[in-house]
Amino acid sequence: MEPSPERRVKRHGVPAQRTDRRLDAHSLRGLAHPLRLRILDILRLQGSSNSTRLAKQVGESTGTVSWHLRQLAQHGFIEEDPGLRSKRERWWRAQARTGVFDTEDLGEESAGREAVVDLLQEVVHWSFDRVARHLRSDLPGEWRNAGNISEWTELRLTAKQMTALTEELIQTVERYLPTSSDAPASDSLPVVVQLQVFPAPPEAEAR
């Protein structure tokens, strides 16, 4: 089901080789596993790799990692890297696509919603575990102080206003996305931006 124009997240300034991919419940099942999330994170942040190298990084057997790589490929999150293909081992790279999950896909049926929410929670847990690992890291102060973890609880918005806010935030981040012609600065590091925008649940409201 194609999202309505009001629900579509507009993409501006995105590199030509980067495309949007709408995530549905089926594709989330291929992603919602802690080891697959970790493997995908490594491929996105560190570039192409193979099962042997990844197995050493995640502390699992090569066979286990190979199986999870095939699952990620089957669901379209990674692909073989033709530039590093060898007779001995397959090399994999992350797909240069952004993932967009439309909450309309949750549907109205309670059982269907529960299944999809369980899958999304696995992804969210992984995202916040990544933040926790950053807080425990030994990066120099310059990098530690450059980031930000904030929360605003004073907002009261309509659904239309919240959609507009989300689009503006995404457009701001995407202005910093590299293009194929950009060479990374010598003092740059991979940076992760996590964004959550949602109505406060009923129990969080003042009584």
C-alpha atoms as a PDB file:
ATOM      1  CA  MET A   1       0.000   0.000   0.000  1.00  0.00           C
ATOM      2  CA  GLU A   2       1.515   3.278  -1.080  1.00  0.00           C
ATOM      3  CA  PRO A   3       1.527   5.952   1.645  1.00  0.00           C
ATOM      4  CA  SER A   4      -0.635   9.003   1.082  1.00  0.00           C
ATOM      5  CA  PRO A   5       1.126  12.264   0.076  1.00  0.00           C
ATOM      6  CA  GLU A   6       0.650  13.620   3.611  1.00  0.00           C
ATOM      7  CA  ARG A   7       2.476  10.620   5.096  1.00  0.00           C
ATOM      8  CA  ARG A   8       5.279  10.464   2.580  1.00  0.00           C
ATOM      9  CA  VAL A   9       8.652  11.621   3.923  1.00  0.00           C
ATOM     10  CA  LYS A  10      10.131  13.970   1.374  1.00  0.00           C
ATOM     11  CA  ARG A  11      13.793  13.441   0.506  1.00  0.00           C
ATOM     12  CA  HIS A  12      15.863  16.415  -0.574  1.00  0.00           C
ATOM     13  CA  GLY A  13      19.571  16.496  -1.334  1.00  0.00           C
ATOM     14  CA  VAL A  14      19.913  12.723  -1.274  1.00  0.00           C
ATOM     15  CA  PRO A  15      22.772  11.312  -3.399  1.00  0.00           C
ATOM     16  CA  ALA A  16      21.634   9.930  -6.744  1.00  0.00           C
ATOM     17  CA  GLN A  17      22.723   6.396  -5.863  1.00  0.00           C
ATOM     18  CA  ARG A  18      20.719   6.432  -2.607  1.00  0.00           C
ATOM     19  CA  THR A  19      17.049   5.476  -2.832  1.00  0.00           C
ATOM     20  CA  ASP A  20      14.258   5.075  -0.327  1.00  0.00           C
ATOM     21  CA  ARG A  21      12.969   1.652   0.580  1.00  0.00           C
ATOM     22  CA  ARG A  22       9.657   1.186   2.306  1.00  0.00           C
ATOM     23  CA  LEU A  23       9.923  -1.393   5.068  1.00  0.00           C
ATOM     24  CA  ASP A  24       7.005  -3.721   5.662  1.00  0.00           C
ATOM     25  CA  ALA A  25       6.435  -6.441   8.243  1.00  0.00           C
ATOM     26  CA  HIS A  26       8.084  -9.060   6.010  1.00  0.00           C
ATOM     27  CA  SER A  27      11.312  -7.091   5.584  1.00  0.00           C
ATOM     28  CA  LEU A  28      11.413  -6.251   9.288  1.00  0.00           C
ATOM     29  CA  ARG A  29      11.369  -9.961  10.108  1.00  0.00           C
ATOM     30  CA  GLY A  30      14.576 -10.246   8.128  1.00  0.00           C
ATOM     31  CA  LEU A  31      16.158  -7.452  10.149  1.00  0.00           C
ATOM     32  CA  ALA A  32      14.834  -7.907  13.676  1.00  0.00           C
ATOM     33  CA  HIS A  33      17.619 -10.078  15.088  1.00  0.00           C
ATOM     34  CA  PRO A  34      20.412  -8.678  17.306  1.00  0.00           C
ATOM     35  CA  LEU A  35      23.219 -10.315  15.328  1.00  0.00           C
ATOM     36  CA  ARG A  36      21.838  -9.208  11.960  1.00  0.00           C
ATOM     37  CA  LEU A  37      21.461  -5.663  13.229  1.00  0.00           C
ATOM     38  CA  ARG A  38      25.065  -5.704  14.419  1.00  0.00           C
ATOM     39  CA  ILE A  39      26.345  -7.121  11.123  1.00  0.00           C
ATOM     40  CA  LEU A  40      24.416  -4.533   9.126  1.00  0.00           C
ATOM     41  CA  ASP A  41      25.741  -1.774  11.370  1.00  0.00           C
ATOM     42  CA  ILE A  42      29.335  -2.888  10.740  1.00  0.00           C
ATOM     43  CA  LEU A  43      28.814  -3.007   6.978  1.00  0.00           C
ATOM     44  CA  ARG A  44      27.235   0.452   6.953  1.00  0.00           C
ATOM     45  CA  LEU A  45      29.865   2.098   9.143  1.00  0.00           C
ATOM     46  CA  GLN A  46      33.026   0.224   8.130  1.00  0.00           C
ATOM     47  CA  GLY A  47      32.336  -0.776   4.533  1.00  0.00           C
ATOM     48  CA  SER A  48      32.408  -4.127   2.734  1.00  0.00           C
ATOM     49  CA  SER A  49      33.447  -7.272   4.550  1.00  0.00           C
ATOM     50  CA  ASN A  50      33.215 -11.064   4.398  1.00  0.00           C
ATOM     51  CA  SER A  51      31.936 -13.711   6.774  1.00  0.00           C
ATOM     52  CA  THR A  52      35.381 -14.551   8.175  1.00  0.00           C
ATOM     53  CA  ARG A  53      36.188 -10.973   9.155  1.00  0.00           C
ATOM     54  CA  LEU A  54      32.692 -10.337  10.479  1.00  0.00           C
ATOM     55  CA  ALA A  55      32.749 -13.547  12.537  1.00  0.00           C
ATOM     56  CA  LYS A  56      35.876 -12.326  14.345  1.00  0.00           C
ATOM     57  CA  GLN A  57      34.274  -8.963  15.046  1.00  0.00           C
ATOM     58  CA  VAL A  58      31.012 -10.318  16.445  1.00  0.00           C
ATOM     59  CA  GLY A  59      32.444 -13.386  18.174  1.00  0.00           C
ATOM     60  CA  GLU A  60      30.389 -15.962  16.269  1.00  0.00           C
ATOM     61  CA  SER A  61      31.233 -18.838  13.933  1.00  0.00           C
ATOM     62  CA  THR A  62      31.702 -18.189  10.229  1.00  0.00           C
ATOM     63  CA  GLY A  63      28.807 -20.520   9.440  1.00  0.00           C
ATOM     64  CA  THR A  64      26.432 -18.599  11.715  1.00  0.00           C
ATOM     65  CA  VAL A  65      27.472 -15.255  10.260  1.00  0.00           C
ATOM     66  CA  SER A  66      27.157 -16.584   6.692  1.00  0.00           C
ATOM     67  CA  TRP A  67      23.577 -17.686   7.382  1.00  0.00           C
ATOM     68  CA  HIS A  68      22.633 -14.269   8.760  1.00  0.00           C
ATOM     69  CA  LEU A  69      24.318 -12.576   5.800  1.00  0.00           C
ATOM     70  CA  ARG A  70      22.159 -14.608   3.439  1.00  0.00           C
ATOM     71  CA  GLN A  71      19.043 -13.584   5.374  1.00  0.00           C
ATOM     72  CA  LEU A  72      20.000  -9.914   5.149  1.00  0.00           C
ATOM     73  CA  ALA A  73      20.632 -10.294   1.430  1.00  0.00           C
ATOM     74  CA  GLN A  74      17.348 -12.126   0.884  1.00  0.00           C
ATOM     75  CA  HIS A  75      15.469  -9.221   2.448  1.00  0.00           C
ATOM     76  CA  GLY A  76      17.415  -6.638   0.443  1.00  0.00           C
ATOM     77  CA  PHE A  77      19.478  -5.017   3.199  1.00  0.00           C
ATOM     78  CA  ILE A  78      22.867  -6.051   1.795  1.00  0.00           C
ATOM     79  CA  GLU A  79      24.292  -7.181  -1.538  1.00  0.00           C
ATOM     80  CA  GLU A  80      27.462  -8.761  -2.866  1.00  0.00           C
ATOM     81  CA  ASP A  81      30.278  -6.326  -3.571  1.00  0.00           C
ATOM     82  CA  PRO A  82      31.363  -7.086  -7.169  1.00  0.00           C
ATOM     83  CA  GLY A  83      34.535  -5.058  -6.772  1.00  0.00           C
ATOM     84  CA  LEU A  84      35.829  -7.415  -4.079  1.00  0.00           C
ATOM     85  CA  ARG A  85      34.521 -10.708  -5.412  1.00  0.00           C
ATOM     86  CA  SER A  86      36.915 -13.616  -5.002  1.00  0.00           C
ATOM     87  CA  LYS A  87      36.868 -17.356  -5.630  1.00  0.00           C
ATOM     88  CA  ARG A  88      37.416 -18.114  -1.950  1.00  0.00           C
ATOM     89  CA  GLU A  89      34.846 -15.923  -0.210  1.00  0.00           C
ATOM     90  CA  ARG A  90      31.920 -13.627  -0.900  1.00  0.00           C
ATOM     91  CA  TRP A  91      32.209  -9.988   0.090  1.00  0.00           C
ATOM     92  CA  TRP A  92      29.133  -8.067   1.172  1.00  0.00           C
ATOM     93  CA  ARG A  93      28.176  -4.403   1.358  1.00  0.00           C
ATOM     94  CA  ALA A  94      25.168  -2.562   2.743  1.00  0.00           C
ATOM     95  CA  GLN A  95      22.595  -1.349   0.270  1.00  0.00           C
ATOM     96  CA  ALA A  96      22.827   2.417  -0.284  1.00  0.00           C
ATOM     97  CA  ARG A  97      19.171   2.914   0.585  1.00  0.00           C
ATOM     98  CA  THR A  98      17.304   4.573   3.408  1.00  0.00           C
ATOM     99  CA  GLY A  99      14.569   2.625   5.150  1.00  0.00           C
ATOM    100  CA  VAL A 100      11.161   4.166   5.757  1.00  0.00           C
ATOM    101  CA  PHE A 101       8.511   2.325   7.766  1.00  0.00           C
ATOM    102  CA  ASP A 102       4.982   3.644   7.279  1.00  0.00           C
ATOM    103  CA  THR A 103       2.932   3.180  10.451  1.00  0.00           C
ATOM    104  CA  GLU A 104      -0.155   2.634   8.294  1.00  0.00           C
ATOM    105  CA  ASP A 105       1.289  -0.845   7.703  1.00  0.00           C
ATOM    106  CA  LEU A 106       0.556  -1.679  11.336  1.00  0.00           C
ATOM    107  CA  GLY A 107      -3.047  -2.145  10.342  1.00  0.00           C
ATOM    108  CA  GLU A 108      -6.044  -2.314  12.626  1.00  0.00           C
ATOM    109  CA  GLU A 109      -5.969  -5.995  13.563  1.00  0.00           C
ATOM    110  CA  SER A 110      -4.609  -6.410  17.097  1.00  0.00           C
ATOM    111  CA  ALA A 111      -2.599  -9.586  16.355  1.00  0.00           C
ATOM    112  CA  GLY A 112      -0.979  -7.990  13.309  1.00  0.00           C
ATOM    113  CA  ARG A 113      -0.080  -4.874  15.238  1.00  0.00           C
ATOM    114  CA  GLU A 114       1.458  -6.920  18.058  1.00  0.00           C
ATOM    115  CA  ALA A 115       3.663  -8.851  15.631  1.00  0.00           C
ATOM    116  CA  VAL A 116       4.974  -5.751  13.889  1.00  0.00           C
ATOM    117  CA  VAL A 117       5.488  -3.846  17.155  1.00  0.00           C
ATOM    118  CA  ASP A 118       7.567  -6.763  18.506  1.00  0.00           C
ATOM    119  CA  LEU A 119       9.772  -6.572  15.433  1.00  0.00           C
ATOM    120  CA  LEU A 120      10.147  -2.803  15.655  1.00  0.00           C
ATOM    121  CA  GLN A 121      11.016  -3.016  19.350  1.00  0.00           C
ATOM    122  CA  GLU A 122      13.978  -5.253  18.515  1.00  0.00           C
ATOM    123  CA  VAL A 123      15.271  -2.567  16.140  1.00  0.00           C
ATOM    124  CA  VAL A 124      14.669   0.209  18.686  1.00  0.00           C
ATOM    125  CA  HIS A 125      16.446  -1.730  21.443  1.00  0.00           C
ATOM    126  CA  TRP A 126      19.461  -2.144  19.185  1.00  0.00           C
ATOM    127  CA  SER A 127      19.478   1.574  18.366  1.00  0.00           C
ATOM    128  CA  PHE A 128      19.558   2.575  22.018  1.00  0.00           C
ATOM    129  CA  ASP A 129      22.159  -0.062  22.847  1.00  0.00           C
ATOM    130  CA  ARG A 130      24.348   1.683  20.283  1.00  0.00           C
ATOM    131  CA  VAL A 131      23.912   4.940  22.220  1.00  0.00           C
ATOM    132  CA  ALA A 132      24.908   3.161  25.436  1.00  0.00           C
ATOM    133  CA  ARG A 133      28.047   1.791  23.788  1.00  0.00           C
ATOM    134  CA  HIS A 134      28.921   5.320  22.670  1.00  0.00           C
ATOM    135  CA  LEU A 135      28.599   6.592  26.243  1.00  0.00           C
ATOM    136  CA  ARG A 136      31.003   3.880  27.400  1.00  0.00           C
ATOM    137  CA  SER A 137      33.505   4.547  24.613  1.00  0.00           C
ATOM    138  CA  ASP A 138      36.901   6.153  25.102  1.00  0.00           C
ATOM    139  CA  LEU A 139      36.642   8.762  22.343  1.00  0.00           C
ATOM    140  CA  PRO A 140      38.525  12.016  23.018  1.00  0.00           C
ATOM    141  CA  GLY A 141      36.596  14.897  24.573  1.00  0.00           C
ATOM    142  CA  GLU A 142      36.332  16.775  21.285  1.00  0.00           C
ATOM    143  CA  TRP A 143      34.209  13.973  19.838  1.00  0.00           C
ATOM    144  CA  ARG A 144      32.384  13.143  23.058  1.00  0.00           C
ATOM    145  CA  ASN A 145      31.245  16.774  23.415  1.00  0.00           C
ATOM    146  CA  ALA A 146      30.283  17.195  19.739  1.00  0.00           C
ATOM    147  CA  GLY A 147      27.211  14.969  19.981  1.00  0.00           C
ATOM    148  CA  ASN A 148      23.955  15.518  21.794  1.00  0.00           C
ATOM    149  CA  ILE A 149      21.265  13.482  23.523  1.00  0.00           C
ATOM    150  CA  SER A 150      18.235  15.656  24.188  1.00  0.00           C
ATOM    151  CA  GLU A 151      14.559  15.408  24.950  1.00  0.00           C
ATOM    152  CA  TRP A 152      11.782  17.989  24.670  1.00  0.00           C
ATOM    153  CA  THR A 153       8.510  17.317  26.498  1.00  0.00           C
ATOM    154  CA  GLU A 154       6.811  20.723  26.242  1.00  0.00           C
ATOM    155  CA  LEU A 155       5.564  20.313  22.651  1.00  0.00           C
ATOM    156  CA  ARG A 156       1.859  20.066  21.909  1.00  0.00           C
ATOM    157  CA  LEU A 157       1.290  19.529  18.184  1.00  0.00           C
ATOM    158  CA  THR A 158      -1.367  18.443  15.761  1.00  0.00           C
ATOM    159  CA  ALA A 159      -0.701  15.391  13.614  1.00  0.00           C
ATOM    160  CA  LYS A 160      -0.054  17.715  10.665  1.00  0.00           C
ATOM    161  CA  GLN A 161       2.445  19.772  12.678  1.00  0.00           C
ATOM    162  CA  MET A 162       4.262  16.644  13.853  1.00  0.00           C
ATOM    163  CA  THR A 163       4.556  15.430  10.256  1.00  0.00           C
ATOM    164  CA  ALA A 164       6.000  18.817   9.224  1.00  0.00           C
ATOM    165  CA  LEU A 165       8.484  18.772  12.124  1.00  0.00           C
ATOM    166  CA  THR A 166       9.648  15.282  11.171  1.00  0.00           C
ATOM    167  CA  GLU A 167      10.183  16.276   7.541  1.00  0.00           C
ATOM    168  CA  GLU A 168      12.157  19.395   8.518  1.00  0.00           C
ATOM    169  CA  LEU A 169      14.442  17.398  10.821  1.00  0.00           C
ATOM    170  CA  ILE A 170      15.075  14.757   8.159  1.00  0.00           C
ATOM    171  CA  GLN A 171      15.845  17.387   5.523  1.00  0.00           C
ATOM    172  CA  THR A 172      18.366  19.010   7.882  1.00  0.00           C
ATOM    173  CA  VAL A 173      20.202  15.726   8.418  1.00  0.00           C
ATOM    174  CA  GLU A 174      20.172  14.863   4.719  1.00  0.00           C
ATOM    175  CA  ARG A 175      21.975  18.102   3.830  1.00  0.00           C
ATOM    176  CA  TYR A 176      25.034  16.491   5.431  1.00  0.00           C
ATOM    177  CA  LEU A 177      24.806  13.189   3.548  1.00  0.00           C
ATOM    178  CA  PRO A 178      27.824  12.643   1.255  1.00  0.00           C
ATOM    179  CA  THR A 179      27.523  12.341  -2.488  1.00  0.00           C
ATOM    180  CA  SER A 180      29.518   9.939  -4.637  1.00  0.00           C
ATOM    181  CA  SER A 181      31.970  12.752  -5.481  1.00  0.00           C
ATOM    182  CA  ASP A 182      32.598  13.720  -1.857  1.00  0.00           C
ATOM    183  CA  ALA A 183      35.892  12.646  -0.304  1.00  0.00           C
ATOM    184  CA  PRO A 184      35.616  12.316   3.487  1.00  0.00           C
ATOM    185  CA  ALA A 185      37.732  14.737   5.490  1.00  0.00           C
ATOM    186  CA  SER A 186      40.861  13.194   6.961  1.00  0.00           C
ATOM    187  CA  ASP A 187      39.686  13.974  10.503  1.00  0.00           C
ATOM    188  CA  SER A 188      36.119  12.668  10.008  1.00  0.00           C
ATOM    189  CA  LEU A 189      34.484   9.658  11.656  1.00  0.00           C
ATOM    190  CA  PRO A 190      31.279   7.756  10.812  1.00  0.00           C
ATOM    191  CA  VAL A 191      28.417   9.482  12.630  1.00  0.00           C
ATOM    192  CA  VAL A 192      25.026   8.012  13.527  1.00  0.00           C
ATOM    193  CA  VAL A 193      21.958  10.258  13.877  1.00  0.00           C
ATOM    194  CA  GLN A 194      18.954   8.676  15.583  1.00  0.00           C
ATOM    195  CA  LEU A 195      15.625  10.465  15.454  1.00  0.00           C
ATOM    196  CA  GLN A 196      12.391   9.573  17.224  1.00  0.00           C
ATOM    197  CA  VAL A 197       9.264  11.702  16.955  1.00  0.00           C
ATOM    198  CA  PHE A 198       6.079  10.344  18.522  1.00  0.00           C
ATOM    199  CA  PRO A 199       3.065  11.390  20.594  1.00  0.00           C
ATOM    200  CA  ALA A 200       3.580  10.892  24.338  1.00  0.00           C
ATOM    201  CA  PRO A 201       1.720   7.769  25.506  1.00  0.00           C
ATOM    202  CA  PRO A 202      -1.345   8.441  27.691  1.00  0.00           C
ATOM    203  CA  GLU A 203       0.400   7.471  30.930  1.00  0.00           C
ATOM    204  CA  ALA A 204       3.038  10.168  30.292  1.00  0.00           C
ATOM    205  CA  GLU A 205       0.486  13.008  30.261  1.00  0.00           C
ATOM    206  CA  ALA A 206      -0.178  15.195  33.289  1.00  0.00           C
ATOM    207  CA  ARG A 207      -3.207  14.052  35.264  1.00  0.00           C
END
